[in-house]
Amino acid sequence: WNKAFFGLWDGAVDDFAAEQVRKLFLSNLIASSGWAKATLAENRRDEMEALQDCLREAIQTTDEEVIRLCRDTQNHYSSCTGVMTLWTGHILTVAHVGDSR
């Protein structure tokens, strides 16, 4: 299963949130339930749906972690937008958050 991940995050106010996302996102992607489903999918449709779920879950988990880190460091104004791509050899899945497209 050939795969590649690319992510670009653009910080707002400062780079704290973007740096945290950079550190957390890939491990959250691999730990997501969609990742295992995608690797075991029996057809491309199931794989596509699992990859979408995988990115969605990783975005949500990472967002929750970054919000907690910002709160813990009293960095209340740090934020970021992002564009992510996940390539599995025959399926390209793209996601974006914020005003990045």
N, C-alpha and C. Protein backbone atom coordinates (compact mmCIF):
# COMPACT_ATOMS: atom_id res chain seq x y z
N TRP A 1 0.86 -1.17 0.00
CA TRP A 1 0.00 0.00 0.00
C TRP A 1 0.89 1.22 0.00
N ASN A 2 1.17 1.79 -1.17
CA ASN A 2 1.97 3.00 -1.29
C ASN A 2 1.16 4.18 -0.80
N LYS A 3 1.80 5.05 -0.01
CA LYS A 3 1.07 6.19 0.50
C LYS A 3 2.02 7.36 0.77
N ALA A 4 1.48 8.55 0.70
CA ALA A 4 2.24 9.77 1.02
C ALA A 4 1.26 10.78 1.61
N PHE A 5 1.77 11.57 2.54
CA PHE A 5 0.96 12.63 3.14
C PHE A 5 1.70 13.94 3.00
N PHE A 6 0.97 14.98 2.65
CA PHE A 6 1.52 16.33 2.57
C PHE A 6 0.57 17.27 3.29
N GLY A 7 1.11 18.14 4.12
CA GLY A 7 0.29 19.11 4.83
C GLY A 7 0.97 20.46 4.84
N LEU A 8 0.17 21.50 4.70
CA LEU A 8 0.66 22.87 4.76
C LEU A 8 -0.24 23.62 5.72
N TRP A 9 0.38 24.20 6.75
CA TRP A 9 -0.39 24.94 7.76
C TRP A 9 0.13 26.36 7.83
N ASP A 10 -0.79 27.30 7.84
CA ASP A 10 -0.47 28.71 7.87
C ASP A 10 -0.96 29.31 9.18
N GLY A 11 -0.04 29.72 10.02
CA GLY A 11 -0.39 30.26 11.32
C GLY A 11 -0.93 31.67 11.24
N ALA A 12 -1.83 32.00 12.16
CA ALA A 12 -2.37 33.35 12.29
C ALA A 12 -1.96 33.87 13.66
N VAL A 13 -1.65 35.12 13.76
CA VAL A 13 -1.17 35.82 14.96
C VAL A 13 0.27 35.43 15.26
N ASP A 14 0.54 34.14 15.41
CA ASP A 14 1.90 33.65 15.60
C ASP A 14 1.96 32.24 15.02
N ASP A 15 3.08 31.56 15.20
CA ASP A 15 3.22 30.23 14.60
C ASP A 15 2.94 29.09 15.58
N PHE A 16 2.49 29.38 16.80
CA PHE A 16 2.30 28.35 17.82
C PHE A 16 1.33 27.26 17.35
N ALA A 17 0.15 27.63 16.91
CA ALA A 17 -0.85 26.63 16.51
C ALA A 17 -0.36 25.82 15.31
N ALA A 18 0.21 26.49 14.32
CA ALA A 18 0.70 25.78 13.13
C ALA A 18 1.80 24.79 13.50
N GLU A 19 2.69 25.18 14.39
CA GLU A 19 3.76 24.27 14.83
C GLU A 19 3.20 23.07 15.58
N GLN A 20 2.20 23.29 16.41
CA GLN A 20 1.59 22.19 17.14
C GLN A 20 0.89 21.23 16.19
N VAL A 21 0.18 21.77 15.20
CA VAL A 21 -0.49 20.92 14.21
C VAL A 21 0.56 20.10 13.46
N ARG A 22 1.65 20.73 13.07
CA ARG A 22 2.72 20.03 12.37
C ARG A 22 3.23 18.84 13.19
N LYS A 23 3.38 19.04 14.47
CA LYS A 23 3.89 17.99 15.35
C LYS A 23 2.87 16.87 15.59
N LEU A 24 1.59 17.20 15.64
CA LEU A 24 0.56 16.25 16.06
C LEU A 24 -0.18 15.54 14.93
N PHE A 25 -0.30 16.18 13.77
CA PHE A 25 -1.27 15.71 12.78
C PHE A 25 -0.99 14.31 12.25
N LEU A 26 0.21 14.03 11.84
CA LEU A 26 0.49 12.74 11.21
C LEU A 26 0.24 11.58 12.16
N SER A 27 0.64 11.71 13.41
CA SER A 27 0.38 10.63 14.37
C SER A 27 -1.12 10.47 14.62
N ASN A 28 -1.87 11.57 14.62
CA ASN A 28 -3.32 11.48 14.77
C ASN A 28 -3.96 10.83 13.54
N LEU A 29 -3.41 11.11 12.37
CA LEU A 29 -3.91 10.50 11.14
C LEU A 29 -3.74 8.98 11.19
N ILE A 30 -2.56 8.54 11.54
CA ILE A 30 -2.27 7.10 11.58
C ILE A 30 -3.04 6.41 12.70
N ALA A 31 -3.30 7.11 13.78
CA ALA A 31 -4.03 6.52 14.91
C ALA A 31 -5.55 6.51 14.70
N SER A 32 -6.03 7.19 13.67
CA SER A 32 -7.48 7.28 13.46
C SER A 32 -8.06 5.92 13.07
N SER A 33 -9.33 5.74 13.37
CA SER A 33 -9.99 4.48 13.01
C SER A 33 -10.11 4.34 11.50
N GLY A 34 -10.22 5.45 10.79
CA GLY A 34 -10.31 5.41 9.33
C GLY A 34 -9.05 4.87 8.67
N TRP A 35 -7.89 5.08 9.30
CA TRP A 35 -6.62 4.61 8.74
C TRP A 35 -6.62 3.09 8.62
N ALA A 36 -7.00 2.42 9.69
CA ALA A 36 -7.05 0.95 9.66
C ALA A 36 -8.08 0.47 8.64
N LYS A 37 -9.22 1.13 8.60
CA LYS A 37 -10.26 0.75 7.63
C LYS A 37 -9.77 0.92 6.20
N ALA A 38 -9.03 1.99 5.94
CA ALA A 38 -8.53 2.24 4.59
C ALA A 38 -7.52 1.17 4.17
N THR A 39 -6.68 0.76 5.09
CA THR A 39 -5.67 -0.25 4.74
C THR A 39 -6.30 -1.62 4.51
N LEU A 40 -7.47 -1.86 5.09
CA LEU A 40 -8.14 -3.15 4.95
C LEU A 40 -9.29 -3.14 3.95
N ALA A 41 -9.55 -1.99 3.34
CA ALA A 41 -10.69 -1.87 2.43
C ALA A 41 -10.60 -2.87 1.28
N GLU A 42 -11.73 -3.42 0.94
CA GLU A 42 -11.78 -4.43 -0.12
C GLU A 42 -12.04 -3.84 -1.50
N ASN A 43 -12.46 -2.57 -1.54
CA ASN A 43 -12.67 -1.94 -2.84
C ASN A 43 -12.36 -0.44 -2.71
N ARG A 44 -12.26 0.21 -3.85
CA ARG A 44 -11.85 1.62 -3.84
C ARG A 44 -12.88 2.54 -3.21
N ARG A 45 -14.13 2.24 -3.38
CA ARG A 45 -15.17 3.08 -2.76
C ARG A 45 -15.04 3.06 -1.24
N ASP A 46 -14.88 1.87 -0.67
CA ASP A 46 -14.70 1.76 0.78
C ASP A 46 -13.42 2.45 1.22
N GLU A 47 -12.36 2.32 0.42
CA GLU A 47 -11.10 2.97 0.75
C GLU A 47 -11.25 4.49 0.71
N MET A 48 -11.94 5.02 -0.31
CA MET A 48 -12.15 6.47 -0.41
C MET A 48 -12.92 6.99 0.80
N GLU A 49 -13.97 6.30 1.19
CA GLU A 49 -14.75 6.73 2.35
C GLU A 49 -13.92 6.66 3.63
N ALA A 50 -13.12 5.61 3.76
CA ALA A 50 -12.27 5.49 4.96
C ALA A 50 -11.21 6.58 5.00
N LEU A 51 -10.64 6.94 3.85
CA LEU A 51 -9.64 8.01 3.81
C LEU A 51 -10.25 9.36 4.18
N GLN A 52 -11.47 9.61 3.71
CA GLN A 52 -12.16 10.84 4.09
C GLN A 52 -12.40 10.86 5.60
N ASP A 53 -12.86 9.74 6.14
CA ASP A 53 -13.08 9.65 7.59
C ASP A 53 -11.78 9.83 8.35
N CYS A 54 -10.72 9.25 7.82
CA CYS A 54 -9.41 9.33 8.44
C CYS A 54 -8.95 10.78 8.57
N LEU A 55 -9.02 11.54 7.49
CA LEU A 55 -8.62 12.95 7.54
C LEU A 55 -9.54 13.75 8.44
N ARG A 56 -10.83 13.51 8.35
CA ARG A 56 -11.80 14.24 9.18
C ARG A 56 -11.50 14.00 10.67
N GLU A 57 -11.28 12.74 11.03
CA GLU A 57 -11.01 12.39 12.43
C GLU A 57 -9.69 13.00 12.90
N ALA A 58 -8.66 12.96 12.06
CA ALA A 58 -7.36 13.53 12.44
C ALA A 58 -7.46 15.04 12.61
N ILE A 59 -8.23 15.70 11.75
CA ILE A 59 -8.43 17.15 11.89
C ILE A 59 -9.13 17.46 13.20
N GLN A 60 -10.18 16.73 13.52
CA GLN A 60 -10.93 16.97 14.75
C GLN A 60 -10.07 16.72 15.99
N THR A 61 -9.36 15.61 16.00
CA THR A 61 -8.51 15.27 17.15
C THR A 61 -7.41 16.30 17.33
N THR A 62 -6.76 16.67 16.24
CA THR A 62 -5.68 17.66 16.31
C THR A 62 -6.21 19.00 16.78
N ASP A 63 -7.37 19.40 16.28
CA ASP A 63 -7.98 20.66 16.70
C ASP A 63 -8.22 20.68 18.20
N GLU A 64 -8.77 19.60 18.72
CA GLU A 64 -9.03 19.52 20.16
C GLU A 64 -7.73 19.61 20.96
N GLU A 65 -6.68 18.94 20.49
CA GLU A 65 -5.39 18.98 21.19
C GLU A 65 -4.76 20.37 21.14
N VAL A 66 -4.84 21.03 19.99
CA VAL A 66 -4.25 22.37 19.87
C VAL A 66 -5.02 23.37 20.72
N ILE A 67 -6.33 23.27 20.75
CA ILE A 67 -7.11 24.15 21.62
C ILE A 67 -6.69 23.97 23.08
N ARG A 68 -6.51 22.73 23.51
CA ARG A 68 -6.06 22.47 24.88
C ARG A 68 -4.67 23.06 25.13
N LEU A 69 -3.75 22.88 24.17
CA LEU A 69 -2.40 23.42 24.32
C LEU A 69 -2.41 24.94 24.36
N CYS A 70 -3.23 25.56 23.53
CA CYS A 70 -3.34 27.03 23.55
C CYS A 70 -3.89 27.50 24.89
N ARG A 71 -4.90 26.79 25.39
CA ARG A 71 -5.47 27.14 26.70
C ARG A 71 -4.42 26.98 27.80
N ASP A 72 -3.69 25.87 27.78
CA ASP A 72 -2.69 25.59 28.81
C ASP A 72 -1.55 26.61 28.82
N THR A 73 -1.23 27.15 27.64
CA THR A 73 -0.14 28.14 27.55
C THR A 73 -0.67 29.57 27.49
N GLN A 74 -1.97 29.73 27.69
CA GLN A 74 -2.64 31.03 27.63
C GLN A 74 -2.34 31.76 26.32
N ASN A 75 -2.28 31.00 25.25
CA ASN A 75 -2.05 31.53 23.91
C ASN A 75 -3.41 31.54 23.21
N HIS A 76 -4.28 32.44 23.61
CA HIS A 76 -5.67 32.41 23.22
C HIS A 76 -5.95 32.88 21.80
N TYR A 77 -4.99 33.49 21.13
CA TYR A 77 -5.26 34.04 19.81
C TYR A 77 -4.55 33.30 18.68
N SER A 78 -3.76 32.31 19.02
CA SER A 78 -3.05 31.56 17.99
C SER A 78 -4.02 30.64 17.24
N SER A 79 -3.89 30.58 15.94
CA SER A 79 -4.73 29.70 15.13
C SER A 79 -4.00 29.42 13.83
N CYS A 80 -4.56 28.54 13.03
CA CYS A 80 -3.98 28.29 11.73
C CYS A 80 -5.01 27.69 10.79
N THR A 81 -4.71 27.78 9.52
CA THR A 81 -5.50 27.12 8.48
C THR A 81 -4.62 26.03 7.88
N GLY A 82 -5.22 25.14 7.12
CA GLY A 82 -4.40 24.08 6.55
C GLY A 82 -4.99 23.42 5.33
N VAL A 83 -4.09 22.87 4.52
CA VAL A 83 -4.45 22.04 3.38
C VAL A 83 -3.67 20.75 3.51
N MET A 84 -4.36 19.63 3.36
CA MET A 84 -3.73 18.33 3.50
C MET A 84 -4.07 17.45 2.31
N THR A 85 -3.12 16.64 1.88
CA THR A 85 -3.37 15.65 0.84
C THR A 85 -2.85 14.31 1.31
N LEU A 86 -3.59 13.28 0.97
CA LEU A 86 -3.20 11.92 1.30
C LEU A 86 -3.28 11.10 0.02
N TRP A 87 -2.15 10.57 -0.41
CA TRP A 87 -2.04 9.81 -1.66
C TRP A 87 -1.80 8.35 -1.31
N THR A 88 -2.60 7.47 -1.88
CA THR A 88 -2.45 6.03 -1.57
C THR A 88 -2.07 5.22 -2.80
N GLY A 89 -1.53 5.85 -3.81
CA GLY A 89 -1.11 5.13 -4.99
C GLY A 89 -2.11 5.20 -6.12
N HIS A 90 -3.39 5.28 -5.78
CA HIS A 90 -4.43 5.39 -6.80
C HIS A 90 -5.57 6.30 -6.37
N ILE A 91 -5.54 6.77 -5.14
CA ILE A 91 -6.57 7.70 -4.66
C ILE A 91 -5.88 8.90 -4.01
N LEU A 92 -6.27 10.08 -4.43
CA LEU A 92 -5.79 11.32 -3.82
C LEU A 92 -6.95 11.93 -3.06
N THR A 93 -6.77 12.10 -1.75
CA THR A 93 -7.79 12.70 -0.91
C THR A 93 -7.26 14.05 -0.42
N VAL A 94 -8.06 15.09 -0.56
CA VAL A 94 -7.66 16.44 -0.20
C VAL A 94 -8.62 16.98 0.84
N ALA A 95 -8.07 17.66 1.84
CA ALA A 95 -8.90 18.29 2.87
C ALA A 95 -8.34 19.69 3.15
N HIS A 96 -9.21 20.56 3.59
CA HIS A 96 -8.75 21.89 3.99
C HIS A 96 -9.59 22.38 5.17
N VAL A 97 -8.98 23.20 5.99
CA VAL A 97 -9.68 23.83 7.11
C VAL A 97 -9.35 25.32 7.09
N GLY A 98 -10.27 26.10 7.57
CA GLY A 98 -10.08 27.54 7.55
C GLY A 98 -10.24 28.08 6.15
N ASP A 99 -9.55 29.18 5.85
CA ASP A 99 -9.70 29.81 4.55
C ASP A 99 -8.62 29.36 3.56
N SER A 100 -7.92 28.28 3.85
CA SER A 100 -6.95 27.72 2.90
C SER A 100 -7.64 26.78 1.95
N ARG A 101 -7.38 26.92 0.67
CA ARG A 101 -7.96 26.03 -0.33
C ARG A 101 -6.95 25.79 -1.37
